[in-house]
N, C-alpha and C. Protein backbone atom coordinates (compact mmCIF):
# COMPACT_ATOMS: atom_id res chain seq x y z
N MET A 1 -3.82 -214.90 -106.19
CA MET A 1 -2.81 -215.41 -107.71
C MET A 1 -3.95 -214.02 -108.44
N ALA A 2 -4.21 -212.65 -108.89
CA ALA A 2 -5.03 -212.22 -109.21
C ALA A 2 -5.18 -212.63 -110.24
N LEU A 3 -6.78 -212.52 -110.83
CA LEU A 3 -6.42 -212.99 -112.45
C LEU A 3 -7.59 -211.30 -112.97
N LYS A 4 -7.11 -211.11 -114.25
CA LYS A 4 -7.23 -210.10 -115.56
C LYS A 4 -8.02 -211.54 -116.71
N ILE A 5 -9.09 -210.08 -116.58
CA ILE A 5 -9.71 -210.42 -118.50
C ILE A 5 -8.78 -209.27 -119.13
N ARG A 6 -8.43 -209.70 -120.37
CA ARG A 6 -7.58 -209.49 -121.58
C ARG A 6 -6.96 -209.60 -122.90
N LEU A 7 -6.59 -209.14 -123.97
CA LEU A 7 -6.71 -209.28 -125.14
C LEU A 7 -4.86 -209.16 -124.27
N GLN A 8 -4.98 -210.89 -124.94
CA GLN A 8 -3.75 -211.55 -125.96
C GLN A 8 -3.52 -211.67 -127.47
N LYS A 9 -2.81 -210.68 -128.12
CA LYS A 9 -2.34 -210.40 -129.80
C LYS A 9 -1.51 -211.51 -130.11
N GLN A 10 -2.39 -211.75 -131.48
CA GLN A 10 -2.09 -212.70 -132.28
C GLN A 10 -1.75 -212.07 -133.72
N GLY A 11 -1.80 -212.64 -135.27
CA GLY A 11 -2.05 -212.27 -135.98
C GLY A 11 0.05 -211.88 -136.81
N ARG A 12 -0.32 -211.20 -137.40
CA ARG A 12 0.86 -210.57 -137.98
C ARG A 12 1.10 -208.44 -138.08
N ALA A 13 2.12 -208.59 -138.50
CA ALA A 13 1.96 -207.49 -139.28
C ALA A 13 0.84 -206.16 -139.74
N HIS A 14 0.52 -205.44 -139.54
CA HIS A 14 -0.88 -204.06 -140.11
C HIS A 14 -2.07 -205.98 -140.02
N ARG A 15 -2.48 -206.69 -139.20
CA ARG A 15 -2.87 -207.83 -139.95
C ARG A 15 -3.81 -208.24 -138.38
N PRO A 16 -3.57 -207.74 -137.13
CA PRO A 16 -3.79 -207.76 -136.11
C PRO A 16 -5.78 -208.17 -135.69
N LEU A 17 -4.58 -209.61 -134.41
CA LEU A 17 -5.91 -211.03 -133.74
C LEU A 17 -5.87 -210.91 -132.52
N TYR A 18 -7.24 -210.86 -131.95
CA TYR A 18 -6.76 -210.74 -130.75
C TYR A 18 -7.34 -211.84 -129.99
N ARG A 19 -6.98 -213.12 -129.22
CA ARG A 19 -7.70 -213.32 -128.52
C ARG A 19 -8.16 -213.21 -126.84
N LEU A 20 -8.92 -213.51 -126.45
CA LEU A 20 -9.95 -213.19 -125.49
C LEU A 20 -9.30 -213.95 -123.87
N VAL A 21 -8.74 -213.09 -122.76
CA VAL A 21 -7.97 -214.53 -122.10
C VAL A 21 -8.32 -214.11 -120.08
N VAL A 22 -8.14 -215.28 -120.00
CA VAL A 22 -7.77 -215.01 -118.18
C VAL A 22 -6.71 -215.58 -118.24
N ALA A 23 -6.09 -214.57 -117.64
CA ALA A 23 -4.87 -214.57 -116.98
C ALA A 23 -4.26 -213.70 -115.80
N GLU A 24 -2.80 -214.75 -115.40
CA GLU A 24 -2.59 -214.02 -113.97
C GLU A 24 -1.87 -212.18 -114.79
N ALA A 25 -2.71 -211.50 -113.28
CA ALA A 25 -1.84 -210.33 -113.34
C ALA A 25 -0.60 -209.94 -113.95
N SER A 26 0.06 -210.57 -113.31
CA SER A 26 1.73 -210.55 -113.03
C SER A 26 2.71 -211.44 -114.58
N SER A 27 1.25 -211.70 -115.25
CA SER A 27 2.23 -212.94 -117.07
C SER A 27 1.91 -211.00 -117.73
N ARG A 28 2.63 -211.69 -118.99
CA ARG A 28 3.61 -211.48 -120.33
C ARG A 28 2.12 -210.83 -120.59
N ARG A 29 1.88 -210.16 -121.08
CA ARG A 29 0.76 -209.74 -122.76
C ARG A 29 1.02 -210.76 -123.50
N ASP A 30 1.60 -211.24 -124.00
CA ASP A 30 1.71 -212.58 -124.55
C ASP A 30 2.00 -213.77 -123.93
N GLY A 31 1.14 -214.36 -122.60
CA GLY A 31 2.13 -215.00 -122.40
C GLY A 31 1.18 -216.50 -121.75
N ARG A 32 1.51 -217.37 -120.83
CA ARG A 32 0.32 -218.39 -120.07
C ARG A 32 -0.89 -217.03 -120.30
N CYS A 33 -1.89 -218.73 -120.26
CA CYS A 33 -3.29 -217.72 -120.09
C CYS A 33 -3.76 -219.21 -119.38
N VAL A 34 -5.40 -218.61 -119.18
CA VAL A 34 -5.59 -219.59 -118.08
C VAL A 34 -6.04 -220.24 -118.86
N GLU A 35 -7.26 -219.10 -119.40
CA GLU A 35 -8.22 -220.03 -120.38
C GLU A 35 -8.47 -219.07 -121.83
N GLN A 36 -9.44 -219.75 -122.20
CA GLN A 36 -9.45 -218.52 -123.66
C GLN A 36 -10.93 -218.92 -123.99
N LEU A 37 -10.93 -217.39 -124.05
CA LEU A 37 -12.89 -217.08 -123.69
C LEU A 37 -13.54 -216.24 -124.98
N GLY A 38 -12.62 -216.24 -126.37
CA GLY A 38 -12.72 -215.73 -126.85
C GLY A 38 -11.93 -215.19 -127.81
N ASN A 39 -12.42 -214.35 -129.41
CA ASN A 39 -11.90 -213.94 -130.22
C ASN A 39 -12.21 -212.48 -130.67
N TYR A 40 -11.60 -211.29 -131.33
CA TYR A 40 -11.41 -210.24 -131.81
C TYR A 40 -10.74 -209.74 -132.84
N ASN A 41 -11.03 -209.45 -133.89
CA ASN A 41 -10.77 -209.23 -134.68
C ASN A 41 -11.10 -208.03 -135.51
N PRO A 42 -10.08 -207.23 -136.18
CA PRO A 42 -11.00 -205.61 -135.67
C PRO A 42 -11.03 -204.78 -137.49
N SER A 43 -10.59 -205.37 -137.65
CA SER A 43 -11.05 -205.83 -138.96
C SER A 43 -11.07 -207.07 -139.82
N PRO A 44 -13.04 -207.44 -140.02
CA PRO A 44 -12.95 -208.53 -140.22
C PRO A 44 -13.26 -207.93 -141.65
N ARG A 45 -13.08 -209.38 -142.36
CA ARG A 45 -12.85 -209.28 -143.55
C ARG A 45 -14.07 -210.28 -144.69
N GLY A 46 -15.01 -210.19 -145.61
CA GLY A 46 -16.02 -211.06 -146.00
C GLY A 46 -16.67 -211.58 -144.65
N LYS A 47 -16.46 -212.87 -144.22
CA LYS A 47 -17.40 -213.26 -143.73
C LYS A 47 -16.91 -213.26 -142.87
N GLU A 48 -15.78 -213.09 -142.10
CA GLU A 48 -14.99 -213.44 -140.99
C GLU A 48 -16.06 -212.90 -139.99
N LEU A 49 -16.09 -213.40 -139.17
CA LEU A 49 -16.62 -212.73 -137.64
C LEU A 49 -15.55 -211.82 -136.60
N GLY A 50 -16.76 -210.48 -136.15
CA GLY A 50 -15.76 -210.11 -135.55
C GLY A 50 -15.38 -210.10 -134.85
N LEU A 51 -16.18 -210.71 -133.81
CA LEU A 51 -16.04 -210.69 -132.33
C LEU A 51 -16.93 -212.44 -132.04
N SER A 52 -16.37 -213.47 -131.57
CA SER A 52 -16.85 -214.22 -130.04
C SER A 52 -16.52 -214.15 -128.67
N VAL A 53 -17.27 -214.77 -128.82
CA VAL A 53 -17.32 -214.44 -127.31
C VAL A 53 -18.24 -215.76 -126.54
N ASP A 54 -17.61 -216.72 -125.49
CA ASP A 54 -17.87 -217.26 -124.94
C ASP A 54 -18.30 -216.92 -123.82
N LEU A 55 -19.74 -216.25 -123.26
CA LEU A 55 -20.26 -215.15 -122.52
C LEU A 55 -21.05 -216.30 -121.46
N ALA A 56 -21.03 -217.62 -120.90
CA ALA A 56 -20.96 -218.22 -120.49
C ALA A 56 -19.80 -217.86 -119.39
N ARG A 57 -18.19 -218.56 -120.16
CA ARG A 57 -17.39 -218.30 -119.13
C ARG A 57 -16.94 -217.11 -118.67
N VAL A 58 -17.84 -215.97 -119.32
CA VAL A 58 -17.24 -214.52 -118.46
C VAL A 58 -17.65 -214.52 -118.08
N ASP A 59 -18.97 -214.71 -117.36
CA ASP A 59 -20.31 -214.49 -115.94
C ASP A 59 -19.04 -215.46 -115.00
N TYR A 60 -18.10 -217.14 -115.59
CA TYR A 60 -17.89 -217.47 -114.72
C TYR A 60 -16.41 -216.86 -113.98
N TRP A 61 -15.87 -216.68 -114.66
CA TRP A 61 -14.93 -215.46 -114.82
C TRP A 61 -14.78 -213.98 -113.64
N LEU A 62 -15.66 -213.82 -114.42
CA LEU A 62 -16.25 -212.30 -113.57
C LEU A 62 -16.58 -212.51 -112.22
N GLY A 63 -17.64 -214.03 -111.57
CA GLY A 63 -18.70 -214.92 -110.30
C GLY A 63 -17.30 -214.87 -109.78
N VAL A 64 -15.96 -215.37 -110.24
CA VAL A 64 -14.60 -215.28 -109.37
C VAL A 64 -13.80 -214.74 -109.21
N GLY A 65 -13.85 -213.15 -109.43
CA GLY A 65 -13.59 -211.80 -108.86
C GLY A 65 -12.48 -211.93 -110.41
N ALA A 66 -12.47 -212.22 -111.56
CA ALA A 66 -11.56 -211.74 -112.03
C ALA A 66 -11.61 -210.38 -112.37
N GLN A 67 -10.49 -209.44 -112.71
CA GLN A 67 -11.06 -207.90 -113.33
C GLN A 67 -11.06 -208.27 -114.41
N PRO A 68 -12.12 -207.64 -115.60
CA PRO A 68 -11.87 -207.33 -117.31
C PRO A 68 -10.68 -205.64 -117.24
N THR A 69 -9.71 -205.88 -118.02
CA THR A 69 -9.25 -204.41 -118.48
C THR A 69 -10.20 -203.63 -118.83
N ASP A 70 -10.35 -202.38 -119.46
CA ASP A 70 -11.14 -201.71 -119.92
C ASP A 70 -11.15 -202.29 -121.29
N THR A 71 -11.04 -202.25 -121.77
CA THR A 71 -10.93 -203.12 -123.63
C THR A 71 -11.69 -203.83 -123.44
N ALA A 72 -10.99 -204.97 -123.01
CA ALA A 72 -12.02 -206.09 -122.14
C ALA A 72 -13.56 -206.21 -121.82
N ARG A 73 -13.72 -205.18 -121.35
CA ARG A 73 -15.13 -204.55 -120.43
C ARG A 73 -15.95 -204.36 -122.05
N THR A 74 -15.36 -202.82 -122.67
CA THR A 74 -15.95 -202.83 -123.24
C THR A 74 -16.35 -204.45 -124.98
N LEU A 75 -15.37 -204.98 -125.09
CA LEU A 75 -15.84 -206.10 -126.38
C LEU A 75 -16.75 -206.94 -125.68
N ILE A 76 -16.78 -206.77 -123.93
CA ILE A 76 -17.83 -207.97 -123.04
C ILE A 76 -19.42 -207.49 -123.34
N ARG A 77 -19.56 -206.22 -122.69
CA ARG A 77 -20.38 -205.59 -123.20
C ARG A 77 -20.90 -206.07 -124.71
N ASN A 78 -20.27 -205.81 -126.33
CA ASN A 78 -20.60 -204.90 -127.57
C ASN A 78 -20.68 -206.62 -127.98
N ALA A 79 -20.90 -207.18 -127.24
CA ALA A 79 -21.06 -209.23 -127.22
C ALA A 79 -22.55 -209.15 -126.01
N ARG A 80 -22.18 -208.51 -125.04
CA ARG A 80 -24.03 -209.32 -125.12
C ARG A 80 -24.52 -208.52 -125.63
N LYS A 81 -24.73 -207.22 -125.89
CA LYS A 81 -25.53 -206.61 -126.80
C LYS A 81 -26.08 -207.45 -128.55
N GLY A 82 -24.27 -207.76 -128.62
CA GLY A 82 -24.93 -208.69 -130.38
C GLY A 82 -25.56 -209.95 -129.78
N GLN A 83 -25.51 -210.85 -129.06
CA GLN A 83 -26.33 -211.40 -128.87
C GLN A 83 -28.12 -210.97 -129.03
N ALA A 84 -27.88 -209.93 -127.68
CA ALA A 84 -29.65 -209.81 -127.74
C ALA A 84 -30.07 -209.13 -129.28
N THR A 85 -29.05 -209.01 -130.10
CA THR A 85 -30.36 -208.55 -131.51
C THR A 85 -30.34 -209.70 -132.11
N ALA A 86 -29.16 -210.53 -131.88
CA ALA A 86 -28.57 -211.96 -132.66
C ALA A 86 -30.33 -212.47 -131.89
N ALA A 87 -30.61 -212.50 -130.54
CA ALA A 87 -32.28 -213.21 -130.45
C ALA A 87 -33.34 -213.00 -130.47
N VAL A 88 -33.63 -211.62 -131.19
CA VAL A 88 -34.92 -210.76 -131.41
C VAL A 88 -35.06 -210.95 -132.78
């Protein structure tokens, strides 16, 4: 069972929202997932968060062999940078 960390599309037309999930590589894009790791809003409005990720769970899944897609890898990297600047 090969696992991927990838985006699952939510939202509506012209207003996309994405979930960062762990899913089997053979499952559909918006199909069943193993666990939800976070949310990504590409166009946040007002006080909405653009990106929220549970980095502890991401580290766990990476440790057991889940492979992130290119976009998921970028979002995880941005979440780590955001966490570092928020701690300073």
